């Protein structure tokens, strides 16, 4: 799959495209896209709240749930772990799992 990096405008493919898509999913509220109502994640619901430990646990749950929503198109990654932490502009999500039969780790900011 070939795509465009939303920050730089350069062409990206394979792994970079996948991580970019995960970032889009994690920052888009469910129902936020007019023609794709099921696309997105419940994490944006939590961002206006105080980021206590209970909220980080909830964000981890919502993030894992997003990988199992077929509308998001993230089936090629099987998450085994998600760790949410506080970040200056929201929540940082660190994922571990299997992508195309390889163990991998990556982070996105929501």
PDB file of N, CA and C in Angstrom:
ATOM      1  N   UNK A   1       0.836  -1.167   0.000  1.00  0.00           N
ATOM      2  CA  UNK A   1       0.000   0.000   0.000  1.00  0.00           C
ATOM      3  C   UNK A   1       0.890   1.242   0.000  1.00  0.00           C
ATOM      4  N   UNK A   2       0.568   2.189  -0.840  1.00  0.00           N
ATOM      5  CA  UNK A   2       1.330   3.441  -0.927  1.00  0.00           C
ATOM      6  C   UNK A   2       0.439   4.572  -0.418  1.00  0.00           C
ATOM      7  N   UNK A   3       1.024   5.468   0.327  1.00  0.00           N
ATOM      8  CA  UNK A   3       0.270   6.593   0.864  1.00  0.00           C
ATOM      9  C   UNK A   3       1.119   7.842   0.925  1.00  0.00           C
ATOM     10  N   UNK A   4       0.564   8.878   1.530  1.00  0.00           N
ATOM     11  CA  UNK A   4       1.251  10.159   1.679  1.00  0.00           C
ATOM     12  C   UNK A   4       1.316  10.491   3.160  1.00  0.00           C
ATOM     13  N   UNK A   5       2.507  10.870   3.618  1.00  0.00           N
ATOM     14  CA  UNK A   5       2.681  11.272   5.012  1.00  0.00           C
ATOM     15  C   UNK A   5       1.913  12.582   5.219  1.00  0.00           C
ATOM     16  N   UNK A   6       0.976  12.617   6.174  1.00  0.00           N
ATOM     17  CA  UNK A   6       0.170  13.830   6.354  1.00  0.00           C
ATOM     18  C   UNK A   6       0.957  15.034   6.870  1.00  0.00           C
ATOM     19  N   UNK A   7       2.113  14.815   7.481  1.00  0.00           N
ATOM     20  CA  UNK A   7       2.917  15.927   7.990  1.00  0.00           C
ATOM     21  C   UNK A   7       3.864  16.494   6.942  1.00  0.00           C
ATOM     22  N   UNK A   8       4.490  15.612   6.144  1.00  0.00           N
ATOM     23  CA  UNK A   8       5.521  16.066   5.217  1.00  0.00           C
ATOM     24  C   UNK A   8       5.083  16.069   3.760  1.00  0.00           C
ATOM     25  N   UNK A   9       4.078  15.256   3.409  1.00  0.00           N
ATOM     26  CA  UNK A   9       3.622  15.162   2.027  1.00  0.00           C
ATOM     27  C   UNK A   9       4.433  14.201   1.182  1.00  0.00           C
ATOM     28  N   UNK A  10       5.433  13.554   1.781  1.00  0.00           N
ATOM     29  CA  UNK A  10       6.240  12.620   1.002  1.00  0.00           C
ATOM     30  C   UNK A  10       5.537  11.273   0.889  1.00  0.00           C
ATOM     31  N   UNK A  11       5.910  10.486  -0.108  1.00  0.00           N
ATOM     32  CA  UNK A  11       5.331   9.172  -0.334  1.00  0.00           C
ATOM     33  C   UNK A  11       5.865   8.178   0.704  1.00  0.00           C
ATOM     34  N   UNK A  12       4.953   7.401   1.263  1.00  0.00           N
ATOM     35  CA  UNK A  12       5.341   6.369   2.227  1.00  0.00           C
ATOM     36  C   UNK A  12       4.688   5.054   1.808  1.00  0.00           C
ATOM     37  N   UNK A  13       5.292   3.949   2.215  1.00  0.00           N
ATOM     38  CA  UNK A  13       4.699   2.653   1.902  1.00  0.00           C
ATOM     39  C   UNK A  13       4.945   1.662   3.022  1.00  0.00           C
ATOM     40  N   UNK A  14       4.302   0.518   2.920  1.00  0.00           N
ATOM     41  CA  UNK A  14       4.447  -0.611   3.838  1.00  0.00           C
ATOM     42  C   UNK A  14       4.324  -0.196   5.304  1.00  0.00           C
ATOM     43  N   UNK A  15       5.409  -0.325   6.058  1.00  0.00           N
ATOM     44  CA  UNK A  15       5.371  -0.105   7.500  1.00  0.00           C
ATOM     45  C   UNK A  15       4.990   1.326   7.861  1.00  0.00           C
ATOM     46  N   UNK A  16       5.598   2.314   7.211  1.00  0.00           N
ATOM     47  CA  UNK A  16       5.289   3.715   7.513  1.00  0.00           C
ATOM     48  C   UNK A  16       3.819   4.024   7.240  1.00  0.00           C
ATOM     49  N   UNK A  17       3.282   3.457   6.165  1.00  0.00           N
ATOM     50  CA  UNK A  17       1.879   3.654   5.834  1.00  0.00           C
ATOM     51  C   UNK A  17       0.984   3.048   6.916  1.00  0.00           C
ATOM     52  N   UNK A  18       1.348   1.877   7.403  1.00  0.00           N
ATOM     53  CA  UNK A  18       0.569   1.226   8.449  1.00  0.00           C
ATOM     54  C   UNK A  18       0.559   2.062   9.733  1.00  0.00           C
ATOM     55  N   UNK A  19       1.724   2.535  10.162  1.00  0.00           N
ATOM     56  CA  UNK A  19       1.807   3.343  11.388  1.00  0.00           C
ATOM     57  C   UNK A  19       1.014   4.639  11.226  1.00  0.00           C
ATOM     58  N   UNK A  20       1.064   5.234  10.041  1.00  0.00           N
ATOM     59  CA  UNK A  20       0.281   6.440   9.767  1.00  0.00           C
ATOM     60  C   UNK A  20      -1.214   6.156   9.875  1.00  0.00           C
ATOM     61  N   UNK A  21      -1.633   5.009   9.367  1.00  0.00           N
ATOM     62  CA  UNK A  21      -3.053   4.636   9.444  1.00  0.00           C
ATOM     63  C   UNK A  21      -3.479   4.413  10.899  1.00  0.00           C
ATOM     64  N   UNK A  22      -2.630   3.774  11.693  1.00  0.00           N
ATOM     65  CA  UNK A  22      -2.943   3.574  13.106  1.00  0.00           C
ATOM     66  C   UNK A  22      -3.118   4.933  13.789  1.00  0.00           C
ATOM     67  N   UNK A  23      -2.235   5.881  13.505  1.00  0.00           N
ATOM     68  CA  UNK A  23      -2.349   7.217  14.091  1.00  0.00           C
ATOM     69  C   UNK A  23      -3.668   7.880  13.685  1.00  0.00           C
ATOM     70  N   UNK A  24      -4.080   7.711  12.426  1.00  0.00           N
ATOM     71  CA  UNK A  24      -5.360   8.268  11.970  1.00  0.00           C
ATOM     72  C   UNK A  24      -6.522   7.651  12.732  1.00  0.00           C
ATOM     73  N   UNK A  25      -6.476   6.337  12.895  1.00  0.00           N
ATOM     74  CA  UNK A  25      -7.555   5.632  13.606  1.00  0.00           C
ATOM     75  C   UNK A  25      -7.628   6.103  15.051  1.00  0.00           C
ATOM     76  N   UNK A  26      -6.479   6.198  15.733  1.00  0.00           N
ATOM     77  CA  UNK A  26      -6.465   6.536  17.154  1.00  0.00           C
ATOM     78  C   UNK A  26      -6.903   7.971  17.435  1.00  0.00           C
ATOM     79  N   UNK A  27      -6.803   8.846  16.440  1.00  0.00           N
ATOM     80  CA  UNK A  27      -7.176  10.251  16.644  1.00  0.00           C
ATOM     81  C   UNK A  27      -8.527  10.621  16.031  1.00  0.00           C
ATOM     82  N   UNK A  28      -9.195   9.666  15.391  1.00  0.00           N
ATOM     83  CA  UNK A  28     -10.497   9.925  14.779  1.00  0.00           C
ATOM     84  C   UNK A  28     -11.594   9.317  15.647  1.00  0.00           C
ATOM     85  N   UNK A  29     -12.546  10.136  16.101  1.00  0.00           N
ATOM     86  CA  UNK A  29     -13.644   9.565  16.887  1.00  0.00           C
ATOM     87  C   UNK A  29     -14.559   8.716  16.006  1.00  0.00           C
ATOM     88  N   UNK A  30     -15.124   7.665  16.571  1.00  0.00           N
ATOM     89  CA  UNK A  30     -16.079   6.851  15.823  1.00  0.00           C
ATOM     90  C   UNK A  30     -17.247   7.754  15.435  1.00  0.00           C
ATOM     91  N   UNK A  31     -17.604   7.704  14.159  1.00  0.00           N
ATOM     92  CA  UNK A  31     -18.664   8.569  13.647  1.00  0.00           C
ATOM     93  C   UNK A  31     -18.141   9.896  13.138  1.00  0.00           C
ATOM     94  N   UNK A  32     -16.843  10.114  13.209  1.00  0.00           N
ATOM     95  CA  UNK A  32     -16.255  11.385  12.805  1.00  0.00           C
ATOM     96  C   UNK A  32     -16.103  11.556  11.307  1.00  0.00           C
ATOM     97  N   UNK A  33     -16.215  10.483  10.550  1.00  0.00           N
ATOM     98  CA  UNK A  33     -16.136  10.568   9.093  1.00  0.00           C
ATOM     99  C   UNK A  33     -17.525  10.344   8.512  1.00  0.00           C
ATOM    100  N   UNK A  34     -17.942  11.255   7.684  1.00  0.00           N
ATOM    101  CA  UNK A  34     -19.303  11.241   7.152  1.00  0.00           C
ATOM    102  C   UNK A  34     -19.640   9.957   6.399  1.00  0.00           C
ATOM    103  N   UNK A  35     -18.760   9.504   5.523  1.00  0.00           N
ATOM    104  CA  UNK A  35     -19.073   8.342   4.697  1.00  0.00           C
ATOM    105  C   UNK A  35     -18.559   7.023   5.267  1.00  0.00           C
ATOM    106  N   UNK A  36     -17.803   7.093   6.344  1.00  0.00           N
ATOM    107  CA  UNK A  36     -17.295   5.870   6.995  1.00  0.00           C
ATOM    108  C   UNK A  36     -17.542   5.996   8.492  1.00  0.00           C
ATOM    109  N   UNK A  37     -18.779   5.871   8.895  1.00  0.00           N
ATOM    110  CA  UNK A  37     -19.202   6.094  10.281  1.00  0.00           C
ATOM    111  C   UNK A  37     -18.565   5.149  11.290  1.00  0.00           C
ATOM    112  N   UNK A  38     -18.192   3.933  10.872  1.00  0.00           N
ATOM    113  CA  UNK A  38     -17.612   2.967  11.803  1.00  0.00           C
ATOM    114  C   UNK A  38     -16.109   3.129  11.980  1.00  0.00           C
ATOM    115  N   UNK A  39     -15.455   3.946  11.158  1.00  0.00           N
ATOM    116  CA  UNK A  39     -14.012   4.159  11.225  1.00  0.00           C
ATOM    117  C   UNK A  39     -13.684   4.972  12.470  1.00  0.00           C
ATOM    118  N   UNK A  40     -12.602   4.616  13.135  1.00  0.00           N
ATOM    119  CA  UNK A  40     -12.130   5.416  14.258  1.00  0.00           C
ATOM    120  C   UNK A  40     -11.976   4.629  15.540  1.00  0.00           C
ATOM    121  N   UNK A  41     -11.881   5.366  16.633  1.00  0.00           N
ATOM    122  CA  UNK A  41     -11.566   4.797  17.940  1.00  0.00           C
ATOM    123  C   UNK A  41     -12.266   5.625  19.016  1.00  0.00           C
ATOM    124  N   UNK A  42     -12.405   5.062  20.193  1.00  0.00           N
ATOM    125  CA  UNK A  42     -13.052   5.778  21.293  1.00  0.00           C
ATOM    126  C   UNK A  42     -12.070   6.616  22.117  1.00  0.00           C
ATOM    127  N   UNK A  43     -10.796   6.598  21.788  1.00  0.00           N
ATOM    128  CA  UNK A  43      -9.804   7.367  22.552  1.00  0.00           C
ATOM    129  C   UNK A  43     -10.097   8.872  22.566  1.00  0.00           C
ATOM    130  N   UNK A  44     -10.502   9.489  21.454  1.00  0.00           N
ATOM    131  CA  UNK A  44     -10.775  10.932  21.513  1.00  0.00           C
ATOM    132  C   UNK A  44     -11.816  11.329  22.565  1.00  0.00           C
ATOM    133  N   UNK A  45     -12.683  10.417  22.972  1.00  0.00           N
ATOM    134  CA  UNK A  45     -13.655  10.695  24.037  1.00  0.00           C
ATOM    135  C   UNK A  45     -12.953  10.987  25.356  1.00  0.00           C
ATOM    136  N   UNK A  46     -11.767  10.443  25.550  1.00  0.00           N
ATOM    137  CA  UNK A  46     -11.065  10.553  26.833  1.00  0.00           C
ATOM    138  C   UNK A  46     -10.116  11.746  26.901  1.00  0.00           C
ATOM    139  N   UNK A  47      -9.827  12.389  25.779  1.00  0.00           N
ATOM    140  CA  UNK A  47      -8.750  13.375  25.754  1.00  0.00           C
ATOM    141  C   UNK A  47      -9.070  14.676  26.488  1.00  0.00           C
ATOM    142  N   UNK A  48     -10.321  15.009  26.678  1.00  0.00           N
ATOM    143  CA  UNK A  48     -10.656  16.243  27.390  1.00  0.00           C
ATOM    144  C   UNK A  48     -10.715  16.036  28.900  1.00  0.00           C
ATOM    145  N   UNK A  49     -10.466  14.823  29.342  1.00  0.00           N
ATOM    146  CA  UNK A  49     -10.542  14.504  30.760  1.00  0.00           C
ATOM    147  C   UNK A  49      -9.153  14.516  31.400  1.00  0.00           C
ATOM    148  N   UNK A  50      -9.125  14.509  32.702  1.00  0.00           N
ATOM    149  CA  UNK A  50      -7.874  14.419  33.439  1.00  0.00           C
ATOM    150  C   UNK A  50      -7.234  13.054  33.162  1.00  0.00           C
ATOM    151  N   UNK A  51      -5.947  13.039  32.819  1.00  0.00           N
ATOM    152  CA  UNK A  51      -5.300  11.770  32.465  1.00  0.00           C
ATOM    153  C   UNK A  51      -4.759  11.054  33.701  1.00  0.00           C
ATOM    154  N   UNK A  52      -5.676  10.572  34.510  1.00  0.00           N
ATOM    155  CA  UNK A  52      -5.303   9.755  35.668  1.00  0.00           C
ATOM    156  C   UNK A  52      -4.989   8.344  35.208  1.00  0.00           C
ATOM    157  N   UNK A  53      -4.529   7.526  36.135  1.00  0.00           N
ATOM    158  CA  UNK A  53      -4.183   6.145  35.809  1.00  0.00           C
ATOM    159  C   UNK A  53      -5.387   5.356  35.295  1.00  0.00           C
ATOM    160  N   UNK A  54      -6.573   5.633  35.838  1.00  0.00           N
ATOM    161  CA  UNK A  54      -7.764   4.934  35.372  1.00  0.00           C
ATOM    162  C   UNK A  54      -8.081   5.281  33.917  1.00  0.00           C
ATOM    163  N   UNK A  55      -7.841   6.524  33.535  1.00  0.00           N
ATOM    164  CA  UNK A  55      -8.084   6.945  32.154  1.00  0.00           C
ATOM    165  C   UNK A  55      -7.066   6.310  31.205  1.00  0.00           C
ATOM    166  N   UNK A  56      -5.823   6.159  31.644  1.00  0.00           N
ATOM    167  CA  UNK A  56      -4.814   5.509  30.806  1.00  0.00           C
ATOM    168  C   UNK A  56      -5.181   4.050  30.561  1.00  0.00           C
ATOM    169  N   UNK A  57      -5.700   3.378  31.572  1.00  0.00           N
ATOM    170  CA  UNK A  57      -6.139   1.993  31.412  1.00  0.00           C
ATOM    171  C   UNK A  57      -7.302   1.906  30.424  1.00  0.00           C
ATOM    172  N   UNK A  58      -8.219   2.840  30.507  1.00  0.00           N
ATOM    173  CA  UNK A  58      -9.345   2.887  29.583  1.00  0.00           C
ATOM    174  C   UNK A  58      -8.861   3.147  28.156  1.00  0.00           C
ATOM    175  N   UNK A  59      -7.895   4.047  27.990  1.00  0.00           N
ATOM    176  CA  UNK A  59      -7.337   4.345  26.670  1.00  0.00           C
ATOM    177  C   UNK A  59      -6.667   3.109  26.063  1.00  0.00           C
ATOM    178  N   UNK A  60      -5.966   2.341  26.877  1.00  0.00           N
ATOM    179  CA  UNK A  60      -5.347   1.100  26.399  1.00  0.00           C
ATOM    180  C   UNK A  60      -6.409   0.144  25.875  1.00  0.00           C
ATOM    181  N   UNK A  61      -7.487   0.030  26.610  1.00  0.00           N
ATOM    182  CA  UNK A  61      -8.590  -0.844  26.200  1.00  0.00           C
ATOM    183  C   UNK A  61      -9.196  -0.381  24.881  1.00  0.00           C
ATOM    184  N   UNK A  62      -9.451   0.912  24.748  1.00  0.00           N
ATOM    185  CA  UNK A  62     -10.017   1.457  23.509  1.00  0.00           C
ATOM    186  C   UNK A  62      -9.067   1.264  22.328  1.00  0.00           C
ATOM    187  N   UNK A  63      -7.761   1.415  22.571  1.00  0.00           N
ATOM    188  CA  UNK A  63      -6.775   1.264  21.499  1.00  0.00           C
ATOM    189  C   UNK A  63      -6.752  -0.164  20.970  1.00  0.00           C
ATOM    190  N   UNK A  64      -6.728  -1.142  21.862  1.00  0.00           N
ATOM    191  CA  UNK A  64      -6.742  -2.546  21.442  1.00  0.00           C
ATOM    192  C   UNK A  64      -8.040  -2.855  20.706  1.00  0.00           C
ATOM    193  N   UNK A  65      -9.146  -2.339  21.205  1.00  0.00           N
ATOM    194  CA  UNK A  65     -10.446  -2.553  20.566  1.00  0.00           C
ATOM    195  C   UNK A  65     -10.443  -2.068  19.116  1.00  0.00           C
ATOM    196  N   UNK A  66      -9.757  -0.983  18.832  1.00  0.00           N
ATOM    197  CA  UNK A  66      -9.726  -0.414  17.481  1.00  0.00           C
ATOM    198  C   UNK A  66      -9.088  -1.358  16.465  1.00  0.00           C
ATOM    199  N   UNK A  67      -8.151  -2.195  16.898  1.00  0.00           N
ATOM    200  CA  UNK A  67      -7.513  -3.142  15.980  1.00  0.00           C
ATOM    201  C   UNK A  67      -8.472  -4.243  15.531  1.00  0.00           C
ATOM    202  N   UNK A  68      -9.530  -4.475  16.287  1.00  0.00           N
ATOM    203  CA  UNK A  68     -10.483  -5.526  15.966  1.00  0.00           C
ATOM    204  C   UNK A  68     -11.745  -4.994  15.280  1.00  0.00           C
ATOM    205  N   UNK A  69     -11.767  -3.710  14.964  1.00  0.00           N
ATOM    206  CA  UNK A  69     -12.870  -3.117  14.209  1.00  0.00           C
ATOM    207  C   UNK A  69     -12.529  -3.229  12.724  1.00  0.00           C
ATOM    208  N   UNK A  70     -13.264  -4.041  11.939  1.00  0.00           N
ATOM    209  CA  UNK A  70     -12.918  -4.244  10.529  1.00  0.00           C
ATOM    210  C   UNK A  70     -12.955  -2.956   9.695  1.00  0.00           C
ATOM    211  N   UNK A  71     -13.727  -1.964  10.109  1.00  0.00           N
ATOM    212  CA  UNK A  71     -13.816  -0.705   9.359  1.00  0.00           C
ATOM    213  C   UNK A  71     -12.493   0.064   9.373  1.00  0.00           C
ATOM    214  N   UNK A  72     -11.616  -0.227  10.339  1.00  0.00           N
ATOM    215  CA  UNK A  72     -10.344   0.487  10.450  1.00  0.00           C
ATOM    216  C   UNK A  72      -9.256  -0.071   9.535  1.00  0.00           C
ATOM    217  N   UNK A  73      -9.409  -1.289   9.064  1.00  0.00           N
ATOM    218  CA  UNK A  73      -8.436  -1.880   8.152  1.00  0.00           C
ATOM    219  C   UNK A  73      -7.077  -2.160   8.777  1.00  0.00           C
ATOM    220  N   UNK A  74      -7.060  -2.566  10.022  1.00  0.00           N
ATOM    221  CA  UNK A  74      -5.798  -2.830  10.723  1.00  0.00           C
ATOM    222  C   UNK A  74      -5.577  -4.309  10.991  1.00  0.00           C
ATOM    223  N   UNK A  75      -6.200  -5.177  10.205  1.00  0.00           N
ATOM    224  CA  UNK A  75      -6.168  -6.613  10.463  1.00  0.00           C
ATOM    225  C   UNK A  75      -4.783  -7.241  10.349  1.00  0.00           C
ATOM    226  N   UNK A  76      -3.871  -6.617   9.617  1.00  0.00           N
ATOM    227  CA  UNK A  76      -2.561  -7.239   9.419  1.00  0.00           C
ATOM    228  C   UNK A  76      -1.660  -7.144  10.656  1.00  0.00           C
ATOM    229  N   UNK A  77      -2.103  -6.454  11.685  1.00  0.00           N
ATOM    230  CA  UNK A  77      -1.351  -6.348  12.935  1.00  0.00           C
ATOM    231  C   UNK A  77      -2.153  -7.025  14.038  1.00  0.00           C
ATOM    232  N   UNK A  78      -1.500  -7.893  14.793  1.00  0.00           N
ATOM    233  CA  UNK A  78      -2.134  -8.535  15.943  1.00  0.00           C
ATOM    234  C   UNK A  78      -1.460  -7.994  17.201  1.00  0.00           C
ATOM    235  N   UNK A  79      -2.154  -7.144  17.947  1.00  0.00           N
ATOM    236  CA  UNK A  79      -1.531  -6.560  19.142  1.00  0.00           C
ATOM    237  C   UNK A  79      -1.401  -7.576  20.270  1.00  0.00           C
ATOM    238  N   UNK A  80      -0.287  -7.525  20.966  1.00  0.00           N
ATOM    239  CA  UNK A  80      -0.103  -8.366  22.140  1.00  0.00           C
ATOM    240  C   UNK A  80      -0.015  -7.514  23.403  1.00  0.00           C
ATOM    241  N   UNK A  81       0.295  -6.222  23.217  1.00  0.00           N
ATOM    242  CA  UNK A  81       0.440  -5.337  24.373  1.00  0.00           C
ATOM    243  C   UNK A  81       0.267  -3.893  23.942  1.00  0.00           C
ATOM    244  N   UNK A  82      -0.352  -3.105  24.798  1.00  0.00           N
ATOM    245  CA  UNK A  82      -0.486  -1.668  24.580  1.00  0.00           C
ATOM    246  C   UNK A  82      -0.225  -0.979  25.909  1.00  0.00           C
ATOM    247  N   UNK A  83       0.640   0.028  25.895  1.00  0.00           N
ATOM    248  CA  UNK A  83       0.933   0.796  27.097  1.00  0.00           C
ATOM    249  C   UNK A  83       0.657   2.258  26.793  1.00  0.00           C
ATOM    250  N   UNK A  84      -0.229   2.859  27.553  1.00  0.00           N
ATOM    251  CA  UNK A  84      -0.564   4.275  27.397  1.00  0.00           C
ATOM    252  C   UNK A  84       0.179   5.073  28.457  1.00  0.00           C
ATOM    253  N   UNK A  85       0.714   6.222  28.055  1.00  0.00           N
ATOM    254  CA  UNK A  85       1.401   7.098  29.002  1.00  0.00           C
ATOM    255  C   UNK A  85       1.041   8.548  28.700  1.00  0.00           C
ATOM    256  N   UNK A  86       1.216   9.391  29.693  1.00  0.00           N
ATOM    257  CA  UNK A  86       0.921  10.816  29.515  1.00  0.00           C
ATOM    258  C   UNK A  86       1.959  11.447  28.582  1.00  0.00           C
ATOM    259  N   UNK A  87       1.491  12.396  27.793  1.00  0.00           N
ATOM    260  CA  UNK A  87       2.351  13.105  26.850  1.00  0.00           C
ATOM    261  C   UNK A  87       1.960  14.574  26.907  1.00  0.00           C
ATOM    262  N   UNK A  88       2.850  15.455  26.524  1.00  0.00           N
ATOM    263  CA  UNK A  88       2.588  16.891  26.600  1.00  0.00           C
ATOM    264  C   UNK A  88       1.300  17.296  25.882  1.00  0.00           C
ATOM    265  N   UNK A  89       0.984  16.618  24.780  1.00  0.00           N
ATOM    266  CA  UNK A  89      -0.210  17.010  24.015  1.00  0.00           C
ATOM    267  C   UNK A  89      -1.308  15.948  24.047  1.00  0.00           C
ATOM    268  N   UNK A  90      -1.267  15.018  24.986  1.00  0.00           N
ATOM    269  CA  UNK A  90      -2.310  13.996  25.061  1.00  0.00           C
ATOM    270  C   UNK A  90      -1.799  12.690  25.637  1.00  0.00           C
ATOM    271  N   UNK A  91      -1.997  11.621  24.874  1.00  0.00           N
ATOM    272  CA  UNK A  91      -1.611  10.284  25.310  1.00  0.00           C
ATOM    273  C   UNK A  91      -0.685   9.658  24.280  1.00  0.00           C
ATOM    274  N   UNK A  92       0.380   9.036  24.752  1.00  0.00           N
ATOM    275  CA  UNK A  92       1.274   8.276  23.873  1.00  0.00           C
ATOM    276  C   UNK A  92       0.938   6.799  24.043  1.00  0.00           C
ATOM    277  N   UNK A  93       0.728   6.118  22.917  1.00  0.00           N
ATOM    278  CA  UNK A  93       0.392   4.697  22.921  1.00  0.00           C
ATOM    279  C   UNK A  93       1.550   3.915  22.329  1.00  0.00           C
ATOM    280  N   UNK A  94       2.048   2.943  23.074  1.00  0.00           N
ATOM    281  CA  UNK A  94       3.134   2.078  22.603  1.00  0.00           C
ATOM    282  C   UNK A  94       2.556   0.686  22.388  1.00  0.00           C
ATOM    283  N   UNK A  95       2.640   0.207  21.151  1.00  0.00           N
ATOM    284  CA  UNK A  95       2.072  -1.086  20.793  1.00  0.00           C
ATOM    285  C   UNK A  95       3.168  -2.105  20.548  1.00  0.00           C
ATOM    286  N   UNK A  96       2.908  -3.331  20.963  1.00  0.00           N
ATOM    287  CA  UNK A  96       3.753  -4.469  20.639  1.00  0.00           C
ATOM    288  C   UNK A  96       2.850  -5.515  20.013  1.00  0.00           C
ATOM    289  N   UNK A  97       3.376  -6.230  19.027  1.00  0.00           N
ATOM    290  CA  UNK A  97       2.572  -7.265  18.403  1.00  0.00           C
ATOM    291  C   UNK A  97       3.238  -7.823  17.162  1.00  0.00           C
ATOM    292  N   UNK A  98       2.425  -8.482  16.341  1.00  0.00           N
ATOM    293  CA  UNK A  98       2.919  -9.153  15.144  1.00  0.00           C
ATOM    294  C   UNK A  98       2.360  -8.476  13.901  1.00  0.00           C
ATOM    295  N   UNK A  99       3.248  -8.076  12.995  1.00  0.00           N
ATOM    296  CA  UNK A  99       2.879  -7.489  11.710  1.00  0.00           C
ATOM    297  C   UNK A  99       3.589  -8.285  10.628  1.00  0.00           C
ATOM    298  N   UNK A 100       2.807  -8.896   9.748  1.00  0.00           N
ATOM    299  CA  UNK A 100       3.348  -9.715   8.664  1.00  0.00           C
ATOM    300  C   UNK A 100       4.345 -10.751   9.179  1.00  0.00           C
ATOM    301  N   UNK A 101       3.953 -11.448  10.223  1.00  0.00           N
ATOM    302  CA  UNK A 101       4.714 -12.554  10.830  1.00  0.00           C
ATOM    303  C   UNK A 101       6.017 -12.117  11.494  1.00  0.00           C
ATOM    304  N   UNK A 102       6.141 -10.838  11.835  1.00  0.00           N
ATOM    305  CA  UNK A 102       7.327 -10.339  12.535  1.00  0.00           C
ATOM    306  C   UNK A 102       6.906  -9.602  13.803  1.00  0.00           C
ATOM    307  N   UNK A 103       7.616  -9.837  14.888  1.00  0.00           N
ATOM    308  CA  UNK A 103       7.377  -9.092  16.121  1.00  0.00           C
ATOM    309  C   UNK A 103       7.847  -7.663  15.909  1.00  0.00           C
ATOM    310  N   UNK A 104       7.046  -6.699  16.347  1.00  0.00           N
ATOM    311  CA  UNK A 104       7.408  -5.302  16.156  1.00  0.00           C
ATOM    312  C   UNK A 104       6.823  -4.438  17.272  1.00  0.00           C
ATOM    313  N   UNK A 105       7.376  -3.254  17.411  1.00  0.00           N
ATOM    314  CA  UNK A 105       6.949  -2.268  18.399  1.00  0.00           C
ATOM    315  C   UNK A 105       6.905  -0.897  17.736  1.00  0.00           C
ATOM    316  N   UNK A 106       5.888  -0.101  18.059  1.00  0.00           N
ATOM    317  CA  UNK A 106       5.815   1.269  17.537  1.00  0.00           C
ATOM    318  C   UNK A 106       4.985   2.127  18.481  1.00  0.00           C
ATOM    319  N   UNK A 107       5.088   3.441  18.310  1.00  0.00           N
ATOM    320  CA  UNK A 107       4.346   4.394  19.150  1.00  0.00           C
ATOM    321  C   UNK A 107       3.577   5.356  18.270  1.00  0.00           C
ATOM    322  N   UNK A 108       2.423   5.791  18.781  1.00  0.00           N
ATOM    323  CA  UNK A 108       1.663   6.875  18.165  1.00  0.00           C
ATOM    324  C   UNK A 108       1.185   7.786  19.271  1.00  0.00           C
ATOM    325  N   UNK A 109       0.913   9.034  18.952  1.00  0.00           N
ATOM    326  CA  UNK A 109       0.409   9.992  19.903  1.00  0.00           C
ATOM    327  C   UNK A 109      -1.035  10.308  19.584  1.00  0.00           C
ATOM    328  N   UNK A 110      -1.887  10.229  20.587  1.00  0.00           N
ATOM    329  CA  UNK A 110      -3.307  10.538  20.381  1.00  0.00           C
ATOM    330  C   UNK A 110      -3.653  11.805  21.132  1.00  0.00           C
TER     331      UNK A 110
END
